[in-house]
PDB file of all heavy atoms in Angstrom:
ATOM      1  N   ALA A   1      51.104  -9.735 -45.633  1.00  0.00           N
ATOM      2  CA  ALA A   1      49.930 -10.488 -45.614  1.00  0.00           C
ATOM      3  C   ALA A   1      48.727  -9.556 -45.747  1.00  0.00           C
ATOM      4  O   ALA A   1      48.832  -8.467 -45.558  1.00  0.00           O
ATOM      5  CB  ALA A   1      49.768 -11.356 -44.273  1.00  0.00           C
ATOM      6  N   ASN A   2      47.697 -10.137 -46.218  1.00  0.00           N
ATOM      7  CA  ASN A   2      46.447  -9.417 -46.513  1.00  0.00           C
ATOM      8  C   ASN A   2      45.637  -9.203 -45.308  1.00  0.00           C
ATOM      9  O   ASN A   2      44.526  -8.506 -45.302  1.00  0.00           O
ATOM     10  CB  ASN A   2      45.623 -10.059 -47.633  1.00  0.00           C
ATOM     11  CG  ASN A   2      46.239  -9.968 -48.939  1.00  0.00           C
ATOM     12  OD1 ASN A   2      46.076  -8.981 -49.583  1.00  0.00           O
ATOM     13  ND2 ASN A   2      46.963 -10.928 -49.382  1.00  0.00           N
ATOM     14  N   ASN A   3      45.864  -9.787 -44.180  1.00  0.00           N
ATOM     15  CA  ASN A   3      45.198  -9.546 -42.954  1.00  0.00           C
ATOM     16  C   ASN A   3      43.665  -9.768 -43.013  1.00  0.00           C
ATOM     17  O   ASN A   3      42.768  -8.927 -42.647  1.00  0.00           O
ATOM     18  CB  ASN A   3      45.456  -8.247 -42.358  1.00  0.00           C
ATOM     19  CG  ASN A   3      46.959  -7.964 -41.984  1.00  0.00           C
ATOM     20  OD1 ASN A   3      47.589  -8.912 -41.498  1.00  0.00           O
ATOM     21  ND2 ASN A   3      47.419  -6.773 -42.158  1.00  0.00           N
ATOM     22  N   ASN A   4      43.337 -10.835 -43.707  1.00  0.00           N
ATOM     23  CA  ASN A   4      42.026 -11.377 -43.890  1.00  0.00           C
ATOM     24  C   ASN A   4      41.243 -10.544 -44.869  1.00  0.00           C
ATOM     25  O   ASN A   4      40.070 -10.546 -45.033  1.00  0.00           O
ATOM     26  CB  ASN A   4      41.121 -11.231 -42.548  1.00  0.00           C
ATOM     27  CG  ASN A   4      41.355 -12.484 -41.615  1.00  0.00           C
ATOM     28  OD1 ASN A   4      42.255 -13.307 -42.037  1.00  0.00           O
ATOM     29  ND2 ASN A   4      40.695 -12.529 -40.532  1.00  0.00           N
ATOM     30  N   GLY A   5      41.896  -9.763 -45.683  1.00  0.00           N
ATOM     31  CA  GLY A   5      41.381  -9.069 -46.789  1.00  0.00           C
ATOM     32  C   GLY A   5      41.392 -10.078 -47.918  1.00  0.00           C
ATOM     33  O   GLY A   5      42.374 -10.587 -48.324  1.00  0.00           O
ATOM     34  N   ASN A   6      40.154 -10.426 -48.566  1.00  0.00           N
ATOM     35  CA  ASN A   6      40.086 -11.508 -49.462  1.00  0.00           C
ATOM     36  C   ASN A   6      40.899 -11.071 -50.726  1.00  0.00           C
ATOM     37  O   ASN A   6      40.947 -10.052 -51.130  1.00  0.00           O
ATOM     38  CB  ASN A   6      38.616 -11.696 -49.917  1.00  0.00           C
ATOM     39  CG  ASN A   6      37.787 -12.128 -48.681  1.00  0.00           C
ATOM     40  OD1 ASN A   6      38.386 -12.746 -47.734  1.00  0.00           O
ATOM     41  ND2 ASN A   6      36.528 -11.923 -48.770  1.00  0.00           N
ATOM     42  N   ILE A   7      41.635 -12.063 -51.292  1.00  0.00           N
ATOM     43  CA  ILE A   7      42.468 -11.803 -52.502  1.00  0.00           C
ATOM     44  C   ILE A   7      41.722 -12.592 -53.563  1.00  0.00           C
ATOM     45  O   ILE A   7      40.909 -13.407 -53.415  1.00  0.00           O
ATOM     46  CB  ILE A   7      43.837 -12.263 -52.368  1.00  0.00           C
ATOM     47  CG1 ILE A   7      43.974 -13.705 -52.143  1.00  0.00           C
ATOM     48  CG2 ILE A   7      44.640 -11.526 -51.225  1.00  0.00           C
ATOM     49  CD1 ILE A   7      45.377 -14.280 -51.966  1.00  0.00           C
ATOM     50  N   SER A   8      42.082 -12.049 -54.882  1.00  0.00           N
ATOM     51  CA  SER A   8      41.445 -12.654 -55.980  1.00  0.00           C
ATOM     52  C   SER A   8      41.966 -14.048 -56.417  1.00  0.00           C
ATOM     53  O   SER A   8      42.774 -14.060 -57.234  1.00  0.00           O
ATOM     54  CB  SER A   8      41.602 -11.635 -57.169  1.00  0.00           C
ATOM     55  OG  SER A   8      40.838 -12.051 -58.242  1.00  0.00           O
ATOM     56  N   VAL A   9      41.386 -15.031 -55.676  1.00  0.00           N
ATOM     57  CA  VAL A   9      41.789 -16.345 -56.011  1.00  0.00           C
ATOM     58  C   VAL A   9      40.485 -17.264 -56.037  1.00  0.00           C
ATOM     59  O   VAL A   9      39.736 -17.259 -55.206  1.00  0.00           O
ATOM     60  CB  VAL A   9      42.783 -17.024 -54.895  1.00  0.00           C
ATOM     61  CG1 VAL A   9      42.875 -18.489 -55.226  1.00  0.00           C
ATOM     62  CG2 VAL A   9      43.986 -16.230 -54.981  1.00  0.00           C
ATOM     63  N   GLU A  10      40.372 -18.034 -57.191  1.00  0.00           N
ATOM     64  CA  GLU A  10      39.271 -18.962 -57.290  1.00  0.00           C
ATOM     65  C   GLU A  10      39.818 -20.198 -57.022  1.00  0.00           C
ATOM     66  O   GLU A  10      40.638 -20.825 -57.770  1.00  0.00           O
ATOM     67  CB  GLU A  10      38.660 -18.972 -58.773  1.00  0.00           C
ATOM     68  CG  GLU A  10      37.846 -17.726 -59.146  1.00  0.00           C
ATOM     69  CD  GLU A  10      37.177 -18.045 -60.516  1.00  0.00           C
ATOM     70  OE1 GLU A  10      36.326 -18.887 -60.499  1.00  0.00           O
ATOM     71  OE2 GLU A  10      37.695 -17.407 -61.443  1.00  0.00           O
ATOM     72  N   MET A  11      39.349 -20.840 -55.822  1.00  0.00           N
ATOM     73  CA  MET A  11      39.905 -22.004 -55.469  1.00  0.00           C
ATOM     74  C   MET A  11      38.781 -22.956 -54.972  1.00  0.00           C
ATOM     75  O   MET A  11      37.745 -22.519 -54.366  1.00  0.00           O
ATOM     76  CB  MET A  11      40.887 -21.918 -54.220  1.00  0.00           C
ATOM     77  CG  MET A  11      41.580 -23.177 -53.964  1.00  0.00           C
ATOM     78  SD  MET A  11      42.719 -22.966 -52.438  1.00  0.00           S
ATOM     79  CE  MET A  11      41.382 -22.794 -51.101  1.00  0.00           C
ATOM     80  N   SER A  12      38.908 -24.316 -55.328  1.00  0.00           N
ATOM     81  CA  SER A  12      37.793 -25.286 -54.948  1.00  0.00           C
ATOM     82  C   SER A  12      37.694 -25.205 -53.425  1.00  0.00           C
ATOM     83  O   SER A  12      38.665 -25.265 -52.734  1.00  0.00           O
ATOM     84  CB  SER A  12      38.115 -26.623 -55.358  1.00  0.00           C
ATOM     85  OG  SER A  12      38.499 -26.683 -56.746  1.00  0.00           O
ATOM     86  N   PRO A  13      36.392 -25.084 -52.930  1.00  0.00           N
ATOM     87  CA  PRO A  13      36.171 -25.052 -51.490  1.00  0.00           C
ATOM     88  C   PRO A  13      36.573 -26.257 -50.870  1.00  0.00           C
ATOM     89  O   PRO A  13      36.536 -27.433 -51.418  1.00  0.00           O
ATOM     90  CB  PRO A  13      34.589 -24.781 -51.454  1.00  0.00           C
ATOM     91  CG  PRO A  13      34.135 -25.233 -52.679  1.00  0.00           C
ATOM     92  CD  PRO A  13      35.136 -25.001 -53.757  1.00  0.00           C
ATOM     93  N   ILE A  14      37.059 -26.117 -49.532  1.00  0.00           N
ATOM     94  CA  ILE A  14      37.416 -27.382 -48.852  1.00  0.00           C
ATOM     95  C   ILE A  14      36.109 -28.215 -48.543  1.00  0.00           C
ATOM     96  O   ILE A  14      35.010 -27.710 -48.236  1.00  0.00           O
ATOM     97  CB  ILE A  14      37.991 -26.878 -47.455  1.00  0.00           C
ATOM     98  CG1 ILE A  14      39.276 -26.044 -47.682  1.00  0.00           C
ATOM     99  CG2 ILE A  14      38.407 -28.113 -46.529  1.00  0.00           C
ATOM    100  CD1 ILE A  14      39.810 -25.289 -46.564  1.00  0.00           C
ATOM    101  N   ASN A  15      36.242 -29.385 -48.773  1.00  0.00           N
ATOM    102  CA  ASN A  15      35.180 -30.400 -48.651  1.00  0.00           C
ATOM    103  C   ASN A  15      35.571 -31.740 -47.930  1.00  0.00           C
ATOM    104  O   ASN A  15      36.792 -31.919 -47.545  1.00  0.00           O
ATOM    105  CB  ASN A  15      34.556 -30.631 -50.065  1.00  0.00           C
ATOM    106  CG  ASN A  15      35.604 -31.184 -51.056  1.00  0.00           C
ATOM    107  OD1 ASN A  15      35.917 -32.477 -50.824  1.00  0.00           O
ATOM    108  ND2 ASN A  15      35.888 -30.525 -51.994  1.00  0.00           N
ATOM    109  N   LYS A  16      34.542 -32.656 -47.876  1.00  0.00           N
ATOM    110  CA  LYS A  16      34.662 -33.804 -47.111  1.00  0.00           C
ATOM    111  C   LYS A  16      35.696 -34.790 -47.788  1.00  0.00           C
ATOM    112  O   LYS A  16      36.272 -35.675 -47.143  1.00  0.00           O
ATOM    113  CB  LYS A  16      33.481 -34.671 -46.914  1.00  0.00           C
ATOM    114  CG  LYS A  16      32.777 -34.985 -48.245  1.00  0.00           C
ATOM    115  CD  LYS A  16      31.441 -35.754 -48.006  1.00  0.00           C
ATOM    116  CE  LYS A  16      30.809 -36.126 -49.294  1.00  0.00           C
ATOM    117  NZ  LYS A  16      31.592 -36.937 -50.149  1.00  0.00           N
ATOM    118  N   ASP A  17      36.092 -34.688 -49.059  1.00  0.00           N
ATOM    119  CA  ASP A  17      36.957 -35.449 -49.754  1.00  0.00           C
ATOM    120  C   ASP A  17      38.498 -34.936 -49.630  1.00  0.00           C
ATOM    121  O   ASP A  17      39.426 -35.664 -50.027  1.00  0.00           O
ATOM    122  CB  ASP A  17      36.706 -35.428 -51.251  1.00  0.00           C
ATOM    123  CG  ASP A  17      35.308 -36.154 -51.515  1.00  0.00           C
ATOM    124  OD1 ASP A  17      35.083 -37.196 -50.670  1.00  0.00           O
ATOM    125  OD2 ASP A  17      34.691 -35.791 -52.450  1.00  0.00           O
ATOM    126  N   ASP A  18      38.603 -33.841 -49.043  1.00  0.00           N
ATOM    127  CA  ASP A  18      39.993 -33.305 -48.717  1.00  0.00           C
ATOM    128  C   ASP A  18      40.686 -33.987 -47.661  1.00  0.00           C
ATOM    129  O   ASP A  18      40.064 -34.635 -46.741  1.00  0.00           O
ATOM    130  CB  ASP A  18      40.033 -31.814 -48.518  1.00  0.00           C
ATOM    131  CG  ASP A  18      39.950 -30.937 -49.734  1.00  0.00           C
ATOM    132  OD1 ASP A  18      40.668 -31.100 -50.622  1.00  0.00           O
ATOM    133  OD2 ASP A  18      39.182 -30.040 -49.722  1.00  0.00           O
ATOM    134  N   HIS A  19      42.011 -34.058 -47.739  1.00  0.00           N
ATOM    135  CA  HIS A  19      42.822 -34.737 -46.631  1.00  0.00           C
ATOM    136  C   HIS A  19      43.308 -33.599 -45.726  1.00  0.00           C
ATOM    137  O   HIS A  19      44.070 -32.748 -46.115  1.00  0.00           O
ATOM    138  CB  HIS A  19      44.019 -35.603 -47.217  1.00  0.00           C
ATOM    139  CG  HIS A  19      43.547 -36.590 -48.224  1.00  0.00           C
ATOM    140  ND1 HIS A  19      42.822 -37.604 -47.835  1.00  0.00           N
ATOM    141  CD2 HIS A  19      43.648 -36.647 -49.542  1.00  0.00           C
ATOM    142  CE1 HIS A  19      42.544 -38.427 -48.822  1.00  0.00           C
ATOM    143  NE2 HIS A  19      43.105 -37.915 -49.944  1.00  0.00           N
ATOM    144  N   ILE A  20      42.819 -33.697 -44.444  1.00  0.00           N
ATOM    145  CA  ILE A  20      43.042 -32.511 -43.555  1.00  0.00           C
ATOM    146  C   ILE A  20      43.781 -33.162 -42.339  1.00  0.00           C
ATOM    147  O   ILE A  20      43.545 -34.220 -41.951  1.00  0.00           O
ATOM    148  CB  ILE A  20      41.869 -31.790 -43.165  1.00  0.00           C
ATOM    149  CG1 ILE A  20      42.169 -30.518 -42.241  1.00  0.00           C
ATOM    150  CG2 ILE A  20      40.885 -32.576 -42.503  1.00  0.00           C
ATOM    151  CD1 ILE A  20      41.110 -29.530 -42.156  1.00  0.00           C
ATOM    152  N   VAL A  21      44.783 -32.415 -41.769  1.00  0.00           N
ATOM    153  CA  VAL A  21      45.400 -32.769 -40.498  1.00  0.00           C
ATOM    154  C   VAL A  21      45.608 -31.555 -39.665  1.00  0.00           C
ATOM    155  O   VAL A  21      45.559 -30.443 -40.123  1.00  0.00           O
ATOM    156  CB  VAL A  21      46.774 -33.451 -40.812  1.00  0.00           C
ATOM    157  CG1 VAL A  21      47.862 -32.359 -41.257  1.00  0.00           C
ATOM    158  CG2 VAL A  21      47.320 -34.092 -39.607  1.00  0.00           C
ATOM    159  N   GLY A  22      45.522 -31.783 -38.331  1.00  0.00           N
ATOM    160  CA  GLY A  22      45.450 -30.607 -37.427  1.00  0.00           C
ATOM    161  C   GLY A  22      44.113 -30.486 -36.699  1.00  0.00           C
ATOM    162  O   GLY A  22      43.219 -31.336 -36.911  1.00  0.00           O
ATOM    163  N   ASN A  23      43.929 -29.440 -36.102  1.00  0.00           N
ATOM    164  CA  ASN A  23      42.700 -29.180 -35.462  1.00  0.00           C
ATOM    165  C   ASN A  23      41.550 -28.918 -36.591  1.00  0.00           C
ATOM    166  O   ASN A  23      41.598 -27.989 -37.275  1.00  0.00           O
ATOM    167  CB  ASN A  23      42.663 -27.926 -34.634  1.00  0.00           C
ATOM    168  CG  ASN A  23      41.506 -27.469 -33.918  1.00  0.00           C
ATOM    169  OD1 ASN A  23      40.432 -28.263 -33.939  1.00  0.00           O
ATOM    170  ND2 ASN A  23      41.512 -26.417 -33.231  1.00  0.00           N
ATOM    171  N   PRO A  24      40.491 -29.758 -36.648  1.00  0.00           N
ATOM    172  CA  PRO A  24      39.600 -29.540 -37.666  1.00  0.00           C
ATOM    173  C   PRO A  24      38.686 -28.299 -37.522  1.00  0.00           C
ATOM    174  O   PRO A  24      37.978 -27.870 -38.405  1.00  0.00           O
ATOM    175  CB  PRO A  24      38.676 -30.924 -37.537  1.00  0.00           C
ATOM    176  CG  PRO A  24      38.901 -31.331 -36.251  1.00  0.00           C
ATOM    177  CD  PRO A  24      40.179 -30.907 -35.782  1.00  0.00           C
ATOM    178  N   ASN A  25      38.805 -27.821 -36.313  1.00  0.00           N
ATOM    179  CA  ASN A  25      37.986 -26.614 -35.976  1.00  0.00           C
ATOM    180  C   ASN A  25      38.875 -25.365 -35.996  1.00  0.00           C
ATOM    181  O   ASN A  25      38.523 -24.425 -35.432  1.00  0.00           O
ATOM    182  CB  ASN A  25      37.232 -26.606 -34.660  1.00  0.00           C
ATOM    183  CG  ASN A  25      36.193 -27.883 -34.640  1.00  0.00           C
ATOM    184  OD1 ASN A  25      35.504 -28.060 -35.484  1.00  0.00           O
ATOM    185  ND2 ASN A  25      36.246 -28.608 -33.480  1.00  0.00           N
ATOM    186  N   ALA A  26      40.158 -25.439 -36.486  1.00  0.00           N
ATOM    187  CA  ALA A  26      40.988 -24.380 -36.535  1.00  0.00           C
ATOM    188  C   ALA A  26      40.522 -23.161 -37.290  1.00  0.00           C
ATOM    189  O   ALA A  26      39.802 -23.299 -38.332  1.00  0.00           O
ATOM    190  CB  ALA A  26      42.353 -24.847 -37.116  1.00  0.00           C
ATOM    191  N   LYS A  27      40.841 -22.006 -36.846  1.00  0.00           N
ATOM    192  CA  LYS A  27      40.472 -20.749 -37.512  1.00  0.00           C
ATOM    193  C   LYS A  27      41.070 -20.699 -38.838  1.00  0.00           C
ATOM    194  O   LYS A  27      40.575 -20.131 -39.793  1.00  0.00           O
ATOM    195  CB  LYS A  27      40.836 -19.613 -36.710  1.00  0.00           C
ATOM    196  CG  LYS A  27      40.628 -18.326 -37.507  1.00  0.00           C
ATOM    197  CD  LYS A  27      41.119 -17.107 -36.526  1.00  0.00           C
ATOM    198  CE  LYS A  27      41.049 -15.788 -37.179  1.00  0.00           C
ATOM    199  NZ  LYS A  27      41.531 -14.556 -36.496  1.00  0.00           N
ATOM    200  N   ILE A  28      42.340 -21.126 -38.970  1.00  0.00           N
ATOM    201  CA  ILE A  28      43.105 -20.986 -40.174  1.00  0.00           C
ATOM    202  C   ILE A  28      43.375 -22.380 -40.828  1.00  0.00           C
ATOM    203  O   ILE A  28      43.825 -23.245 -40.241  1.00  0.00           O
ATOM    204  CB  ILE A  28      44.416 -20.227 -39.867  1.00  0.00           C
ATOM    205  CG1 ILE A  28      44.313 -18.903 -39.327  1.00  0.00           C
ATOM    206  CG2 ILE A  28      45.322 -20.251 -41.144  1.00  0.00           C
ATOM    207  CD1 ILE A  28      45.507 -18.391 -38.774  1.00  0.00           C
ATOM    208  N   ILE A  29      43.151 -22.395 -42.241  1.00  0.00           N
ATOM    209  CA  ILE A  29      43.437 -23.600 -42.907  1.00  0.00           C
ATOM    210  C   ILE A  29      44.450 -23.278 -43.989  1.00  0.00           C
ATOM    211  O   ILE A  29      44.268 -22.310 -44.761  1.00  0.00           O
ATOM    212  CB  ILE A  29      42.228 -24.268 -43.370  1.00  0.00           C
ATOM    213  CG1 ILE A  29      41.203 -24.621 -42.306  1.00  0.00           C
ATOM    214  CG2 ILE A  29      42.526 -25.486 -44.221  1.00  0.00           C
ATOM    215  CD1 ILE A  29      39.912 -25.177 -42.711  1.00  0.00           C
ATOM    216  N   ILE A  30      45.461 -24.017 -44.091  1.00  0.00           N
ATOM    217  CA  ILE A  30      46.383 -23.968 -45.177  1.00  0.00           C
ATOM    218  C   ILE A  30      46.148 -25.073 -46.219  1.00  0.00           C
ATOM    219  O   ILE A  30      46.260 -26.167 -45.834  1.00  0.00           O
ATOM    220  CB  ILE A  30      47.861 -23.928 -44.591  1.00  0.00           C
ATOM    221  CG1 ILE A  30      48.161 -22.723 -43.691  1.00  0.00           C
ATOM    222  CG2 ILE A  30      48.823 -23.818 -45.840  1.00  0.00           C
ATOM    223  CD1 ILE A  30      49.522 -22.728 -43.051  1.00  0.00           C
ATOM    224  N   VAL A  31      45.887 -24.707 -47.473  1.00  0.00           N
ATOM    225  CA  VAL A  31      45.698 -25.561 -48.506  1.00  0.00           C
ATOM    226  C   VAL A  31      46.895 -25.605 -49.421  1.00  0.00           C
ATOM    227  O   VAL A  31      47.187 -24.553 -49.980  1.00  0.00           O
ATOM    228  CB  VAL A  31      44.466 -25.234 -49.274  1.00  0.00           C
ATOM    229  CG1 VAL A  31      44.170 -26.217 -50.395  1.00  0.00           C
ATOM    230  CG2 VAL A  31      43.186 -25.211 -48.533  1.00  0.00           C
ATOM    231  N   GLU A  32      47.515 -26.762 -49.347  1.00  0.00           N
ATOM    232  CA  GLU A  32      48.800 -26.905 -50.138  1.00  0.00           C
ATOM    233  C   GLU A  32      48.563 -27.721 -51.377  1.00  0.00           C
ATOM    234  O   GLU A  32      47.969 -28.887 -51.386  1.00  0.00           O
ATOM    235  CB  GLU A  32      49.882 -27.466 -49.342  1.00  0.00           C
ATOM    236  CG  GLU A  32      51.244 -27.711 -50.075  1.00  0.00           C
ATOM    237  CD  GLU A  32      52.141 -28.644 -49.294  1.00  0.00           C
ATOM    238  OE1 GLU A  32      51.813 -29.219 -48.356  1.00  0.00           O
ATOM    239  OE2 GLU A  32      53.282 -28.847 -49.861  1.00  0.00           O
TER     240      GLU A  32
END
């Protein structure tokens, strides 16, 4: 893993239209 070292990925930022489950204040978000 990169241990919080940013990797070169251009991804649409998480926004209000996304479908999210789990703790909304979680430190880690997995976008699938």
